[in-house]
Amino acid sequence: MADNDARVDLRIEDRVAVLTLTDPARRNAMSLALREQCIARLRELEAGGAADAVVITGAGDKAFSAGADIGEVAQRTVAGE
């Protein structure tokens, strides 16, 4: 999944928001795009007031999230970012 295709699904039920990271093939590694989508979804929730609690989970059965996208970090380091 390319970074510009990264997704964060959001559903709200009984005032509980569930954000799901949906890149199980990469163990939901946190790329910049995925992080930005998480932040955008959380801001939507804050502005909308439709939820009292947030659960963050990851798709797949191997990991919630592997953490930082190491490949992306390496590219940014080489590029001097």
PDB file of N, CA and C in Angstrom:
ATOM      1  N   MET A   1       0.848  -1.173   0.000  1.00  0.00           N
ATOM      2  CA  MET A   1       0.000   0.000   0.000  1.00  0.00           C
ATOM      3  C   MET A   1       0.888   1.228   0.000  1.00  0.00           C
ATOM      4  N   ALA A   2       0.751   2.099  -0.958  1.00  0.00           N
ATOM      5  CA  ALA A   2       1.523   3.338  -1.016  1.00  0.00           C
ATOM      6  C   ALA A   2       1.029   4.295   0.056  1.00  0.00           C
ATOM      7  N   ASP A   3       1.910   5.191   0.473  1.00  0.00           N
ATOM      8  CA  ASP A   3       1.541   6.110   1.546  1.00  0.00           C
ATOM      9  C   ASP A   3       0.304   6.932   1.218  1.00  0.00           C
ATOM     10  N   ASN A   4       0.165   7.357  -0.047  1.00  0.00           N
ATOM     11  CA  ASN A   4      -1.002   8.168  -0.374  1.00  0.00           C
ATOM     12  C   ASN A   4      -2.282   7.342  -0.365  1.00  0.00           C
ATOM     13  N   ASP A   5      -2.178   6.015  -0.239  1.00  0.00           N
ATOM     14  CA  ASP A   5      -3.335   5.135  -0.126  1.00  0.00           C
ATOM     15  C   ASP A   5      -3.610   4.727   1.316  1.00  0.00           C
ATOM     16  N   ALA A   6      -2.754   5.178   2.243  1.00  0.00           N
ATOM     17  CA  ALA A   6      -2.931   4.800   3.648  1.00  0.00           C
ATOM     18  C   ALA A   6      -4.340   5.170   4.089  1.00  0.00           C
ATOM     19  N   ARG A   7      -4.882   4.336   4.975  1.00  0.00           N
ATOM     20  CA  ARG A   7      -6.267   4.577   5.389  1.00  0.00           C
ATOM     21  C   ARG A   7      -6.414   4.406   6.880  1.00  0.00           C
ATOM     22  N   VAL A   8      -7.325   5.194   7.375  1.00  0.00           N
ATOM     23  CA  VAL A   8      -7.763   5.059   8.758  1.00  0.00           C
ATOM     24  C   VAL A   8      -9.280   5.028   8.703  1.00  0.00           C
ATOM     25  N   ASP A   9      -9.859   3.894   9.038  1.00  0.00           N
ATOM     26  CA  ASP A   9     -11.314   3.782   9.050  1.00  0.00           C
ATOM     27  C   ASP A   9     -11.842   4.285  10.381  1.00  0.00           C
ATOM     28  N   LEU A  10     -13.005   4.884  10.331  1.00  0.00           N
ATOM     29  CA  LEU A  10     -13.639   5.426  11.531  1.00  0.00           C
ATOM     30  C   LEU A  10     -15.081   4.959  11.586  1.00  0.00           C
ATOM     31  N   ARG A  11     -15.465   4.462  12.749  1.00  0.00           N
ATOM     32  CA  ARG A  11     -16.886   4.172  12.990  1.00  0.00           C
ATOM     33  C   ARG A  11     -17.213   4.623  14.407  1.00  0.00           C
ATOM     34  N   ILE A  12     -18.440   5.017  14.587  1.00  0.00           N
ATOM     35  CA  ILE A  12     -18.896   5.466  15.908  1.00  0.00           C
ATOM     36  C   ILE A  12     -20.151   4.688  16.254  1.00  0.00           C
ATOM     37  N   GLU A  13     -20.139   4.107  17.439  1.00  0.00           N
ATOM     38  CA  GLU A  13     -21.298   3.368  17.920  1.00  0.00           C
ATOM     39  C   GLU A  13     -21.450   3.636  19.411  1.00  0.00           C
ATOM     40  N   ASP A  14     -22.635   4.045  19.798  1.00  0.00           N
ATOM     41  CA  ASP A  14     -22.914   4.336  21.209  1.00  0.00           C
ATOM     42  C   ASP A  14     -21.900   5.314  21.790  1.00  0.00           C
ATOM     43  N   ARG A  15     -21.566   6.341  21.005  1.00  0.00           N
ATOM     44  CA  ARG A  15     -20.655   7.427  21.408  1.00  0.00           C
ATOM     45  C   ARG A  15     -19.218   6.968  21.646  1.00  0.00           C
ATOM     46  N   VAL A  16     -18.881   5.780  21.120  1.00  0.00           N
ATOM     47  CA  VAL A  16     -17.507   5.289  21.172  1.00  0.00           C
ATOM     48  C   VAL A  16     -16.989   5.243  19.731  1.00  0.00           C
ATOM     49  N   ALA A  17     -15.910   5.989  19.480  1.00  0.00           N
ATOM     50  CA  ALA A  17     -15.300   6.007  18.156  1.00  0.00           C
ATOM     51  C   ALA A  17     -14.229   4.928  18.104  1.00  0.00           C
ATOM     52  N   VAL A  18     -14.202   4.203  16.990  1.00  0.00           N
ATOM     53  CA  VAL A  18     -13.164   3.201  16.767  1.00  0.00           C
ATOM     54  C   VAL A  18     -12.403   3.594  15.506  1.00  0.00           C
ATOM     55  N   LEU A  19     -11.119   3.935  15.678  1.00  0.00           N
ATOM     56  CA  LEU A  19     -10.233   4.225  14.554  1.00  0.00           C
ATOM     57  C   LEU A  19      -9.457   2.946  14.266  1.00  0.00           C
ATOM     58  N   THR A  20      -9.489   2.492  13.023  1.00  0.00           N
ATOM     59  CA  THR A  20      -8.789   1.271  12.658  1.00  0.00           C
ATOM     60  C   THR A  20      -7.735   1.580  11.607  1.00  0.00           C
ATOM     61  N   LEU A  21      -6.483   1.276  11.923  1.00  0.00           N
ATOM     62  CA  LEU A  21      -5.396   1.383  10.953  1.00  0.00           C
ATOM     63  C   LEU A  21      -5.547   0.191  10.013  1.00  0.00           C
ATOM     64  N   THR A  22      -5.541   0.444   8.700  1.00  0.00           N
ATOM     65  CA  THR A  22      -5.892  -0.630   7.763  1.00  0.00           C
ATOM     66  C   THR A  22      -4.781  -0.914   6.755  1.00  0.00           C
ATOM     67  N   ASP A  23      -3.628  -1.282   7.257  1.00  0.00           N
ATOM     68  CA  ASP A  23      -2.531  -1.709   6.388  1.00  0.00           C
ATOM     69  C   ASP A  23      -1.868  -2.941   7.009  1.00  0.00           C
ATOM     70  N   PRO A  24      -2.630  -4.037   7.171  1.00  0.00           N
ATOM     71  CA  PRO A  24      -2.090  -5.206   7.868  1.00  0.00           C
ATOM     72  C   PRO A  24      -0.898  -5.847   7.162  1.00  0.00           C
ATOM     73  N   ALA A  25      -0.776  -5.705   5.862  1.00  0.00           N
ATOM     74  CA  ALA A  25       0.360  -6.279   5.147  1.00  0.00           C
ATOM     75  C   ALA A  25       1.678  -5.675   5.636  1.00  0.00           C
ATOM     76  N   ARG A  26       1.622  -4.430   6.105  1.00  0.00           N
ATOM     77  CA  ARG A  26       2.814  -3.752   6.627  1.00  0.00           C
ATOM     78  C   ARG A  26       2.726  -3.611   8.141  1.00  0.00           C
ATOM     79  N   ARG A  27       1.865  -4.425   8.732  1.00  0.00           N
ATOM     80  CA  ARG A  27       1.629  -4.408  10.183  1.00  0.00           C
ATOM     81  C   ARG A  27       1.288  -3.011  10.687  1.00  0.00           C
ATOM     82  N   ASN A  28       0.531  -2.301   9.863  1.00  0.00           N
ATOM     83  CA  ASN A  28       0.027  -0.970  10.210  1.00  0.00           C
ATOM     84  C   ASN A  28       1.141  -0.016  10.627  1.00  0.00           C
ATOM     85  N   ALA A  29       2.286  -0.099   9.925  1.00  0.00           N
ATOM     86  CA  ALA A  29       3.414   0.787  10.215  1.00  0.00           C
ATOM     87  C   ALA A  29       2.974   2.239  10.040  1.00  0.00           C
ATOM     88  N   MET A  30       3.401   3.089  10.943  1.00  0.00           N
ATOM     89  CA  MET A  30       2.952   4.483  10.986  1.00  0.00           C
ATOM     90  C   MET A  30       3.778   5.359  10.050  1.00  0.00           C
ATOM     91  N   SER A  31       3.305   5.480   8.820  1.00  0.00           N
ATOM     92  CA  SER A  31       3.926   6.383   7.848  1.00  0.00           C
ATOM     93  C   SER A  31       3.447   7.806   8.143  1.00  0.00           C
ATOM     94  N   LEU A  32       4.074   8.776   7.504  1.00  0.00           N
ATOM     95  CA  LEU A  32       3.625  10.162   7.676  1.00  0.00           C
ATOM     96  C   LEU A  32       2.181  10.319   7.216  1.00  0.00           C
ATOM     97  N   ALA A  33       1.829   9.690   6.087  1.00  0.00           N
ATOM     98  CA  ALA A  33       0.466   9.799   5.568  1.00  0.00           C
ATOM     99  C   ALA A  33      -0.542   9.191   6.540  1.00  0.00           C
ATOM    100  N   LEU A  34      -0.202   8.036   7.098  1.00  0.00           N
ATOM    101  CA  LEU A  34      -1.107   7.386   8.043  1.00  0.00           C
ATOM    102  C   LEU A  34      -1.260   8.241   9.298  1.00  0.00           C
ATOM    103  N   ARG A  35      -0.154   8.807   9.780  1.00  0.00           N
ATOM    104  CA  ARG A  35      -0.212   9.681  10.952  1.00  0.00           C
ATOM    105  C   ARG A  35      -1.093  10.899  10.680  1.00  0.00           C
ATOM    106  N   GLU A  36      -0.929  11.502   9.510  1.00  0.00           N
ATOM    107  CA  GLU A  36      -1.742  12.669   9.161  1.00  0.00           C
ATOM    108  C   GLU A  36      -3.222  12.305   9.099  1.00  0.00           C
ATOM    109  N   GLN A  37      -3.530  11.116   8.573  1.00  0.00           N
ATOM    110  CA  GLN A  37      -4.927  10.696   8.525  1.00  0.00           C
ATOM    111  C   GLN A  37      -5.479  10.450   9.920  1.00  0.00           C
ATOM    112  N   CYS A  38      -4.675   9.878  10.808  1.00  0.00           N
ATOM    113  CA  CYS A  38      -5.110   9.690  12.200  1.00  0.00           C
ATOM    114  C   CYS A  38      -5.430  11.032  12.842  1.00  0.00           C
ATOM    115  N   ILE A  39      -4.535  11.989  12.672  1.00  0.00           N
ATOM    116  CA  ILE A  39      -4.738  13.326  13.254  1.00  0.00           C
ATOM    117  C   ILE A  39      -5.987  13.972  12.685  1.00  0.00           C
ATOM    118  N   ALA A  40      -6.184  13.855  11.375  1.00  0.00           N
ATOM    119  CA  ALA A  40      -7.376  14.446  10.749  1.00  0.00           C
ATOM    120  C   ALA A  40      -8.656  13.818  11.297  1.00  0.00           C
ATOM    121  N   ARG A  41      -8.664  12.505  11.450  1.00  0.00           N
ATOM    122  CA  ARG A  41      -9.849  11.817  11.988  1.00  0.00           C
ATOM    123  C   ARG A  41     -10.116  12.237  13.431  1.00  0.00           C
ATOM    124  N   LEU A  42      -9.055  12.351  14.228  1.00  0.00           N
ATOM    125  CA  LEU A  42      -9.226  12.768  15.621  1.00  0.00           C
ATOM    126  C   LEU A  42      -9.748  14.200  15.703  1.00  0.00           C
ATOM    127  N   ARG A  43      -9.289  15.056  14.815  1.00  0.00           N
ATOM    128  CA  ARG A  43      -9.796  16.440  14.788  1.00  0.00           C
ATOM    129  C   ARG A  43     -11.267  16.469  14.389  1.00  0.00           C
ATOM    130  N   GLU A  44     -11.644  15.606  13.440  1.00  0.00           N
ATOM    131  CA  GLU A  44     -13.060  15.499  13.057  1.00  0.00           C
ATOM    132  C   GLU A  44     -13.898  15.096  14.270  1.00  0.00           C
ATOM    133  N   LEU A  45     -13.409  14.117  15.000  1.00  0.00           N
ATOM    134  CA  LEU A  45     -14.143  13.663  16.191  1.00  0.00           C
ATOM    135  C   LEU A  45     -14.268  14.766  17.217  1.00  0.00           C
ATOM    136  N   GLU A  46     -13.195  15.487  17.447  1.00  0.00           N
ATOM    137  CA  GLU A  46     -13.210  16.568  18.426  1.00  0.00           C
ATOM    138  C   GLU A  46     -14.201  17.658  18.017  1.00  0.00           C
ATOM    139  N   ALA A  47     -14.190  18.017  16.753  1.00  0.00           N
ATOM    140  CA  ALA A  47     -15.079  19.075  16.265  1.00  0.00           C
ATOM    141  C   ALA A  47     -16.545  18.640  16.264  1.00  0.00           C
ATOM    142  N   GLY A  48     -16.776  17.365  15.952  1.00  0.00           N
ATOM    143  CA  GLY A  48     -18.145  16.877  15.841  1.00  0.00           C
ATOM    144  C   GLY A  48     -18.812  16.562  17.162  1.00  0.00           C
ATOM    145  N   GLY A  49     -18.051  16.208  18.154  1.00  0.00           N
ATOM    146  CA  GLY A  49     -18.618  15.907  19.466  1.00  0.00           C
ATOM    147  C   GLY A  49     -19.499  14.667  19.514  1.00  0.00           C
ATOM    148  N   ALA A  50     -19.341  13.758  18.542  1.00  0.00           N
ATOM    149  CA  ALA A  50     -20.214  12.581  18.479  1.00  0.00           C
ATOM    150  C   ALA A  50     -19.723  11.416  19.331  1.00  0.00           C
ATOM    151  N   ALA A  51     -18.519  11.549  19.901  1.00  0.00           N
ATOM    152  CA  ALA A  51     -17.964  10.430  20.676  1.00  0.00           C
ATOM    153  C   ALA A  51     -17.413  10.928  22.003  1.00  0.00           C
ATOM    154  N   ASP A  52     -17.536  10.071  23.004  1.00  0.00           N
ATOM    155  CA  ASP A  52     -16.988  10.365  24.327  1.00  0.00           C
ATOM    156  C   ASP A  52     -15.690   9.610  24.588  1.00  0.00           C
ATOM    157  N   ALA A  53     -15.409   8.598  23.778  1.00  0.00           N
ATOM    158  CA  ALA A  53     -14.206   7.784  23.938  1.00  0.00           C
ATOM    159  C   ALA A  53     -13.719   7.373  22.553  1.00  0.00           C
ATOM    160  N   VAL A  54     -12.411   7.101  22.473  1.00  0.00           N
ATOM    161  CA  VAL A  54     -11.804   6.672  21.211  1.00  0.00           C
ATOM    162  C   VAL A  54     -10.989   5.410  21.475  1.00  0.00           C
ATOM    163  N   VAL A  55     -11.206   4.407  20.634  1.00  0.00           N
ATOM    164  CA  VAL A  55     -10.413   3.180  20.662  1.00  0.00           C
ATOM    165  C   VAL A  55      -9.634   3.156  19.354  1.00  0.00           C
ATOM    166  N   ILE A  56      -8.317   2.964  19.451  1.00  0.00           N
ATOM    167  CA  ILE A  56      -7.496   2.859  18.251  1.00  0.00           C
ATOM    168  C   ILE A  56      -7.034   1.417  18.141  1.00  0.00           C
ATOM    169  N   THR A  57      -7.282   0.832  16.972  1.00  0.00           N
ATOM    170  CA  THR A  57      -6.950  -0.570  16.753  1.00  0.00           C
ATOM    171  C   THR A  57      -6.325  -0.729  15.373  1.00  0.00           C
ATOM    172  N   GLY A  58      -5.799  -1.906  15.114  1.00  0.00           N
ATOM    173  CA  GLY A  58      -5.192  -2.171  13.819  1.00  0.00           C
ATOM    174  C   GLY A  58      -5.798  -3.396  13.174  1.00  0.00           C
ATOM    175  N   ALA A  59      -5.955  -3.338  11.859  1.00  0.00           N
ATOM    176  CA  ALA A  59      -6.457  -4.481  11.106  1.00  0.00           C
ATOM    177  C   ALA A  59      -5.384  -5.559  11.048  1.00  0.00           C
ATOM    178  N   GLY A  60      -5.805  -6.793  10.909  1.00  0.00           N
ATOM    179  CA  GLY A  60      -4.870  -7.910  10.815  1.00  0.00           C
ATOM    180  C   GLY A  60      -4.701  -8.597  12.157  1.00  0.00           C
ATOM    181  N   ASP A  61      -3.979  -9.707  12.129  1.00  0.00           N
ATOM    182  CA  ASP A  61      -3.850 -10.490  13.359  1.00  0.00           C
ATOM    183  C   ASP A  61      -2.415 -10.594  13.864  1.00  0.00           C
ATOM    184  N   LYS A  62      -1.481  -9.867  13.252  1.00  0.00           N
ATOM    185  CA  LYS A  62      -0.077  -9.963  13.666  1.00  0.00           C
ATOM    186  C   LYS A  62       0.340  -8.838  14.608  1.00  0.00           C
ATOM    187  N   ALA A  63      -0.189  -7.635  14.410  1.00  0.00           N
ATOM    188  CA  ALA A  63       0.248  -6.503  15.233  1.00  0.00           C
ATOM    189  C   ALA A  63      -0.777  -5.386  15.172  1.00  0.00           C
ATOM    190  N   PHE A  64      -0.913  -4.681  16.289  1.00  0.00           N
ATOM    191  CA  PHE A  64      -1.718  -3.458  16.286  1.00  0.00           C
ATOM    192  C   PHE A  64      -1.055  -2.449  15.362  1.00  0.00           C
ATOM    193  N   SER A  65       0.228  -2.184  15.600  1.00  0.00           N
ATOM    194  CA  SER A  65       1.044  -1.326  14.749  1.00  0.00           C
ATOM    195  C   SER A  65       2.506  -1.653  15.014  1.00  0.00           C
ATOM    196  N   ALA A  66       3.257  -1.759  13.943  1.00  0.00           N
ATOM    197  CA  ALA A  66       4.679  -2.056  14.072  1.00  0.00           C
ATOM    198  C   ALA A  66       5.455  -0.840  14.572  1.00  0.00           C
ATOM    199  N   GLY A  67       4.808   0.308  14.631  1.00  0.00           N
ATOM    200  CA  GLY A  67       5.488   1.542  15.028  1.00  0.00           C
ATOM    201  C   GLY A  67       5.802   2.367  13.801  1.00  0.00           C
ATOM    202  N   ALA A  68       6.891   3.101  13.865  1.00  0.00           N
ATOM    203  CA  ALA A  68       7.272   3.964  12.743  1.00  0.00           C
ATOM    204  C   ALA A  68       7.558   3.129  11.496  1.00  0.00           C
ATOM    205  N   ASP A  69       7.261   3.696  10.348  1.00  0.00           N
ATOM    206  CA  ASP A  69       7.587   3.071   9.074  1.00  0.00           C
ATOM    207  C   ASP A  69       9.087   3.257   8.846  1.00  0.00           C
ATOM    208  N   ILE A  70       9.862   2.239   9.194  1.00  0.00           N
ATOM    209  CA  ILE A  70      11.321   2.327   9.167  1.00  0.00           C
ATOM    210  C   ILE A  70      11.846   2.633   7.764  1.00  0.00           C
ATOM    211  N   GLY A  71      11.230   2.062   6.743  1.00  0.00           N
ATOM    212  CA  GLY A  71      11.642   2.343   5.363  1.00  0.00           C
ATOM    213  C   GLY A  71      11.491   3.813   5.040  1.00  0.00           C
ATOM    214  N   GLU A  72      10.389   4.394   5.465  1.00  0.00           N
ATOM    215  CA  GLU A  72      10.152   5.814   5.204  1.00  0.00           C
ATOM    216  C   GLU A  72      11.142   6.676   6.014  1.00  0.00           C
ATOM    217  N   VAL A  73      11.398   6.295   7.254  1.00  0.00           N
ATOM    218  CA  VAL A  73      12.353   7.032   8.088  1.00  0.00           C
ATOM    219  C   VAL A  73      13.728   7.006   7.436  1.00  0.00           C
ATOM    220  N   ALA A  74      14.141   5.854   6.921  1.00  0.00           N
ATOM    221  CA  ALA A  74      15.446   5.732   6.279  1.00  0.00           C
ATOM    222  C   ALA A  74      15.531   6.639   5.053  1.00  0.00           C
ATOM    223  N   GLN A  75      14.474   6.678   4.249  1.00  0.00           N
ATOM    224  CA  GLN A  75      14.455   7.538   3.060  1.00  0.00           C
ATOM    225  C   GLN A  75      14.548   9.001   3.463  1.00  0.00           C
ATOM    226  N   ARG A  76      13.811   9.395   4.480  1.00  0.00           N
ATOM    227  CA  ARG A  76      13.836  10.791   4.923  1.00  0.00           C
ATOM    228  C   ARG A  76      15.204  11.154   5.501  1.00  0.00           C
ATOM    229  N   THR A  77      15.858  10.213   6.172  1.00  0.00           N
ATOM    230  CA  THR A  77      17.183  10.470   6.738  1.00  0.00           C
ATOM    231  C   THR A  77      18.205  10.702   5.618  1.00  0.00           C
ATOM    232  N   VAL A  78      18.159   9.851   4.593  1.00  0.00           N
ATOM    233  CA  VAL A  78      19.070   9.995   3.464  1.00  0.00           C
ATOM    234  C   VAL A  78      18.799  11.307   2.726  1.00  0.00           C
ATOM    235  N   ALA A  79      17.531  11.682   2.639  1.00  0.00           N
ATOM    236  CA  ALA A  79      17.170  12.916   1.947  1.00  0.00           C
ATOM    237  C   ALA A  79      17.470  14.152   2.773  1.00  0.00           C
ATOM    238  N   GLY A  80      17.830  13.967   4.042  1.00  0.00           N
ATOM    239  CA  GLY A  80      18.173  15.099   4.894  1.00  0.00           C
ATOM    240  C   GLY A  80      16.989  15.801   5.510  1.00  0.00           C
ATOM    241  N   GLU A  81      15.846  15.138   5.562  1.00  0.00           N
ATOM    242  CA  GLU A  81      14.653  15.743   6.168  1.00  0.00           C
ATOM    243  C   GLU A  81      14.702  15.634   7.669  1.00  0.00           C
TER     244      GLU A  81
END
